[in-house]
Amino acid sequence: MTRFIPCIAILIALTSCAQRELSEKEKQEVISSAREALDDYYRDIKKSGLTGELAHLDSSAEFFWTPPGYDHPISYDTVAHILRSAAPQYSLVENSFDTLRIIPLSRELASYSAKVRSRMVDTAGNVTNLHLIETGVLIRRNRWKLLHGQTSIIP
């Protein structure tokens, strides 16, 4: 009998860690607040350029992103360096969702998938229009931020 005690303890520990399923109301709150955060993200990019992204990226060690053209994920510090370096080259960056699907994973995590339209105007006035597909995970610590994901250009 005593040799079953460790097994019972492990079973109790595993079941006590399980999260309860979100109610429909909680799911809708996660979807609504995550959507608002993504809309704010795009508003800040339009207002402040590429550096407007930084306030919406989770700067923890868990962060990673795979940008268009990359075959591996990169860290927050690398993303921040790229954004700060490229920002002066653009007078306007405007993104909008063609489609957006948000899936609540918990009260603090949500995954999303989006088809994005991006319009970038460089300082010489040249316009680049891109269609992107993006998938990612948002985390809510004190507010929603992008934790990890991938963006690809649709040819």
C-alpha atoms as a PDB file:
ATOM      1  CA  MET A   1       0.000   0.000   0.000  1.00  0.00           C
ATOM      2  CA  THR A   2       2.763   2.452   0.876  1.00  0.00           C
ATOM      3  CA  ARG A   3       4.331   2.122  -2.557  1.00  0.00           C
ATOM      4  CA  PHE A   4       1.117   3.527  -4.100  1.00  0.00           C
ATOM      5  CA  ILE A   5       1.338   6.738  -2.054  1.00  0.00           C
ATOM      6  CA  PRO A   6       3.867   8.388  -4.444  1.00  0.00           C
ATOM      7  CA  CYS A   7       1.621   7.487  -7.397  1.00  0.00           C
ATOM      8  CA  ILE A   8      -1.418   8.951  -5.649  1.00  0.00           C
ATOM      9  CA  ALA A   9       0.537  12.109  -4.792  1.00  0.00           C
ATOM     10  CA  ILE A  10       1.592  12.513  -8.433  1.00  0.00           C
ATOM     11  CA  LEU A  11      -1.993  11.989  -9.612  1.00  0.00           C
ATOM     12  CA  ILE A  12      -3.283  14.625  -7.182  1.00  0.00           C
ATOM     13  CA  ALA A  13      -0.572  17.063  -8.267  1.00  0.00           C
ATOM     14  CA  LEU A  14      -1.360  16.561 -11.951  1.00  0.00           C
ATOM     15  CA  THR A  15      -5.104  16.968 -11.564  1.00  0.00           C
ATOM     16  CA  SER A  16      -4.775  20.018  -9.325  1.00  0.00           C
ATOM     17  CA  CYS A  17      -2.722  21.773 -12.031  1.00  0.00           C
ATOM     18  CA  ALA A  18      -5.421  21.343 -14.650  1.00  0.00           C
ATOM     19  CA  GLN A  19      -7.145  24.580 -15.574  1.00  0.00           C
ATOM     20  CA  ARG A  20     -10.877  24.679 -15.782  1.00  0.00           C
ATOM     21  CA  GLU A  21     -12.399  25.397 -19.159  1.00  0.00           C
ATOM     22  CA  LEU A  22     -13.341  29.006 -19.857  1.00  0.00           C
ATOM     23  CA  SER A  23     -17.007  29.927 -19.817  1.00  0.00           C
ATOM     24  CA  GLU A  24     -18.489  31.468 -22.969  1.00  0.00           C
ATOM     25  CA  LYS A  25     -18.490  34.864 -21.246  1.00  0.00           C
ATOM     26  CA  GLU A  26     -14.788  34.489 -20.364  1.00  0.00           C
ATOM     27  CA  LYS A  27     -13.969  33.386 -23.918  1.00  0.00           C
ATOM     28  CA  GLN A  28     -15.733  36.443 -25.333  1.00  0.00           C
ATOM     29  CA  GLU A  29     -13.860  38.719 -22.908  1.00  0.00           C
ATOM     30  CA  VAL A  30     -10.523  37.224 -23.987  1.00  0.00           C
ATOM     31  CA  ILE A  31     -11.435  37.578 -27.677  1.00  0.00           C
ATOM     32  CA  SER A  32     -12.649  41.151 -27.227  1.00  0.00           C
ATOM     33  CA  SER A  33      -9.692  42.343 -25.153  1.00  0.00           C
ATOM     34  CA  ALA A  34      -7.136  40.563 -27.375  1.00  0.00           C
ATOM     35  CA  ARG A  35      -8.777  42.092 -30.472  1.00  0.00           C
ATOM     36  CA  GLU A  36      -8.595  45.532 -28.860  1.00  0.00           C
ATOM     37  CA  ALA A  37      -4.897  44.969 -28.086  1.00  0.00           C
ATOM     38  CA  LEU A  38      -4.159  43.988 -31.706  1.00  0.00           C
ATOM     39  CA  ASP A  39      -6.077  47.034 -32.977  1.00  0.00           C
ATOM     40  CA  ASP A  40      -4.072  49.252 -30.586  1.00  0.00           C
ATOM     41  CA  TYR A  41      -0.888  47.603 -31.879  1.00  0.00           C
ATOM     42  CA  TYR A  42      -1.700  48.609 -35.456  1.00  0.00           C
ATOM     43  CA  ARG A  43      -2.793  52.112 -34.383  1.00  0.00           C
ATOM     44  CA  ASP A  44       0.521  52.621 -32.602  1.00  0.00           C
ATOM     45  CA  ILE A  45       2.475  51.466 -35.661  1.00  0.00           C
ATOM     46  CA  LYS A  46       0.561  53.929 -37.847  1.00  0.00           C
ATOM     47  CA  LYS A  47       1.124  56.727 -35.319  1.00  0.00           C
ATOM     48  CA  SER A  48       4.762  56.039 -34.373  1.00  0.00           C
ATOM     49  CA  GLY A  49       6.141  53.929 -37.204  1.00  0.00           C
ATOM     50  CA  LEU A  50       7.912  50.622 -36.736  1.00  0.00           C
ATOM     51  CA  THR A  51       9.084  51.515 -33.229  1.00  0.00           C
ATOM     52  CA  GLY A  52       5.405  51.646 -32.251  1.00  0.00           C
ATOM     53  CA  GLU A  53       5.572  47.848 -32.239  1.00  0.00           C
ATOM     54  CA  LEU A  54       7.942  47.691 -29.288  1.00  0.00           C
ATOM     55  CA  ALA A  55       5.343  48.506 -26.616  1.00  0.00           C
ATOM     56  CA  HIS A  56       3.281  45.543 -27.836  1.00  0.00           C
ATOM     57  CA  LEU A  57       6.014  42.887 -27.777  1.00  0.00           C
ATOM     58  CA  ASP A  58       6.646  40.829 -24.659  1.00  0.00           C
ATOM     59  CA  SER A  59      10.274  41.497 -23.754  1.00  0.00           C
ATOM     60  CA  SER A  60      10.672  38.323 -21.671  1.00  0.00           C
ATOM     61  CA  ALA A  61      13.126  35.551 -22.486  1.00  0.00           C
ATOM     62  CA  GLU A  62      10.153  33.496 -23.765  1.00  0.00           C
ATOM     63  CA  PHE A  63       9.556  35.893 -26.669  1.00  0.00           C
ATOM     64  CA  PHE A  64      10.420  34.844 -30.222  1.00  0.00           C
ATOM     65  CA  TRP A  65       9.237  35.782 -33.694  1.00  0.00           C
ATOM     66  CA  THR A  66       9.898  34.475 -37.188  1.00  0.00           C
ATOM     67  CA  PRO A  67       9.661  37.446 -39.595  1.00  0.00           C
ATOM     68  CA  PRO A  68       9.180  37.195 -43.370  1.00  0.00           C
ATOM     69  CA  GLY A  69      12.267  35.776 -45.057  1.00  0.00           C
ATOM     70  CA  TYR A  70      13.632  34.117 -41.910  1.00  0.00           C
ATOM     71  CA  ASP A  71      13.854  30.359 -41.515  1.00  0.00           C
ATOM     72  CA  HIS A  72      14.319  30.545 -37.743  1.00  0.00           C
ATOM     73  CA  PRO A  73      12.827  32.512 -34.858  1.00  0.00           C
ATOM     74  CA  ILE A  74      14.623  35.539 -33.429  1.00  0.00           C
ATOM     75  CA  SER A  75      14.672  37.029 -29.929  1.00  0.00           C
ATOM     76  CA  TYR A  76      13.095  40.223 -28.630  1.00  0.00           C
ATOM     77  CA  ASP A  77      16.464  42.027 -28.661  1.00  0.00           C
ATOM     78  CA  THR A  78      17.031  41.121 -32.317  1.00  0.00           C
ATOM     79  CA  VAL A  79      13.502  42.184 -33.304  1.00  0.00           C
ATOM     80  CA  ALA A  80      13.918  45.473 -31.410  1.00  0.00           C
ATOM     81  CA  HIS A  81      17.250  46.147 -33.152  1.00  0.00           C
ATOM     82  CA  ILE A  82      15.738  45.450 -36.593  1.00  0.00           C
ATOM     83  CA  LEU A  83      12.738  47.709 -35.912  1.00  0.00           C
ATOM     84  CA  ARG A  84      14.864  50.588 -34.597  1.00  0.00           C
ATOM     85  CA  SER A  85      17.257  50.291 -37.558  1.00  0.00           C
ATOM     86  CA  ALA A  86      14.511  50.177 -40.198  1.00  0.00           C
ATOM     87  CA  ALA A  87      12.156  52.772 -38.663  1.00  0.00           C
ATOM     88  CA  PRO A  88      13.878  55.908 -40.063  1.00  0.00           C
ATOM     89  CA  GLN A  89      13.472  54.569 -43.615  1.00  0.00           C
ATOM     90  CA  TYR A  90       9.649  54.774 -43.510  1.00  0.00           C
ATOM     91  CA  SER A  91       7.333  57.755 -43.275  1.00  0.00           C
ATOM     92  CA  LEU A  92       4.214  55.573 -42.980  1.00  0.00           C
ATOM     93  CA  VAL A  93       3.447  52.000 -42.007  1.00  0.00           C
ATOM     94  CA  GLU A  94      -0.213  51.054 -42.047  1.00  0.00           C
ATOM     95  CA  ASN A  95      -1.521  47.560 -41.332  1.00  0.00           C
ATOM     96  CA  SER A  96      -5.084  46.262 -41.362  1.00  0.00           C
ATOM     97  CA  PHE A  97      -6.722  42.891 -40.899  1.00  0.00           C
ATOM     98  CA  ASP A  98      -8.454  41.235 -43.832  1.00  0.00           C
ATOM     99  CA  THR A  99      -9.297  38.362 -41.491  1.00  0.00           C
ATOM    100  CA  LEU A 100      -8.577  37.762 -37.820  1.00  0.00           C
ATOM    101  CA  ARG A 101      -9.376  34.713 -35.718  1.00  0.00           C
ATOM    102  CA  ILE A 102      -8.607  34.712 -32.001  1.00  0.00           C
ATOM    103  CA  ILE A 103      -8.752  31.506 -29.981  1.00  0.00           C
ATOM    104  CA  PRO A 104      -8.709  31.852 -26.184  1.00  0.00           C
ATOM    105  CA  LEU A 105      -6.377  29.302 -24.598  1.00  0.00           C
ATOM    106  CA  SER A 106      -6.808  30.608 -21.045  1.00  0.00           C
ATOM    107  CA  ARG A 107      -7.561  33.943 -19.387  1.00  0.00           C
ATOM    108  CA  GLU A 108      -3.891  34.883 -19.951  1.00  0.00           C
ATOM    109  CA  LEU A 109      -3.136  33.283 -23.340  1.00  0.00           C
ATOM    110  CA  ALA A 110      -4.739  33.532 -26.763  1.00  0.00           C
ATOM    111  CA  SER A 111      -3.635  32.347 -30.172  1.00  0.00           C
ATOM    112  CA  TYR A 112      -4.501  34.241 -33.311  1.00  0.00           C
ATOM    113  CA  SER A 113      -4.313  33.831 -37.042  1.00  0.00           C
ATOM    114  CA  ALA A 114      -4.693  36.740 -39.425  1.00  0.00           C
ATOM    115  CA  LYS A 115      -4.458  37.777 -43.021  1.00  0.00           C
ATOM    116  CA  VAL A 116      -2.954  41.256 -42.998  1.00  0.00           C
ATOM    117  CA  ARG A 117      -2.725  44.033 -45.546  1.00  0.00           C
ATOM    118  CA  SER A 118       0.373  46.208 -45.078  1.00  0.00           C
ATOM    119  CA  ARG A 119       1.140  49.518 -46.771  1.00  0.00           C
ATOM    120  CA  MET A 120       4.587  51.013 -46.270  1.00  0.00           C
ATOM    121  CA  VAL A 121       5.767  54.357 -47.624  1.00  0.00           C
ATOM    122  CA  ASP A 122       9.483  55.042 -47.489  1.00  0.00           C
ATOM    123  CA  THR A 123      10.999  58.494 -47.041  1.00  0.00           C
ATOM    124  CA  ALA A 124      11.430  58.831 -50.827  1.00  0.00           C
ATOM    125  CA  GLY A 125       7.680  58.305 -51.297  1.00  0.00           C
ATOM    126  CA  ASN A 126       7.897  54.762 -52.694  1.00  0.00           C
ATOM    127  CA  VAL A 127       4.898  52.656 -51.703  1.00  0.00           C
ATOM    128  CA  THR A 128       5.088  48.943 -50.922  1.00  0.00           C
ATOM    129  CA  ASN A 129       1.857  46.993 -50.525  1.00  0.00           C
ATOM    130  CA  LEU A 130       2.110  43.549 -48.961  1.00  0.00           C
ATOM    131  CA  HIS A 131      -0.301  40.772 -48.091  1.00  0.00           C
ATOM    132  CA  LEU A 132       0.806  38.822 -45.044  1.00  0.00           C
ATOM    133  CA  ILE A 133      -0.297  35.799 -43.099  1.00  0.00           C
ATOM    134  CA  GLU A 134       0.444  35.910 -39.390  1.00  0.00           C
ATOM    135  CA  THR A 135      -0.007  33.471 -36.543  1.00  0.00           C
ATOM    136  CA  GLY A 136       0.928  34.141 -32.976  1.00  0.00           C
ATOM    137  CA  VAL A 137       0.321  33.845 -29.278  1.00  0.00           C
ATOM    138  CA  LEU A 138      -0.647  36.756 -27.064  1.00  0.00           C
ATOM    139  CA  ILE A 139       0.049  36.766 -23.335  1.00  0.00           C
ATOM    140  CA  ARG A 140      -1.725  38.910 -20.766  1.00  0.00           C
ATOM    141  CA  ARG A 141       0.508  39.890 -17.891  1.00  0.00           C
ATOM    142  CA  ASN A 142      -0.509  43.461 -17.030  1.00  0.00           C
ATOM    143  CA  ARG A 143      -1.883  43.808 -20.581  1.00  0.00           C
ATOM    144  CA  TRP A 144      -1.888  41.776 -23.804  1.00  0.00           C
ATOM    145  CA  LYS A 145       1.429  41.530 -25.644  1.00  0.00           C
ATOM    146  CA  LEU A 146       2.761  39.415 -28.499  1.00  0.00           C
ATOM    147  CA  LEU A 147       4.697  36.475 -27.052  1.00  0.00           C
ATOM    148  CA  HIS A 148       5.647  34.551 -30.171  1.00  0.00           C
ATOM    149  CA  GLY A 149       4.644  33.817 -33.705  1.00  0.00           C
ATOM    150  CA  GLN A 150       5.429  34.031 -37.381  1.00  0.00           C
ATOM    151  CA  THR A 151       4.709  36.394 -40.253  1.00  0.00           C
ATOM    152  CA  SER A 152       4.980  35.364 -43.911  1.00  0.00           C
ATOM    153  CA  ILE A 153       4.458  37.270 -47.155  1.00  0.00           C
ATOM    154  CA  ILE A 154       1.693  35.949 -49.384  1.00  0.00           C
ATOM    155  CA  PRO A 155       3.007  36.070 -52.972  1.00  0.00           C
END
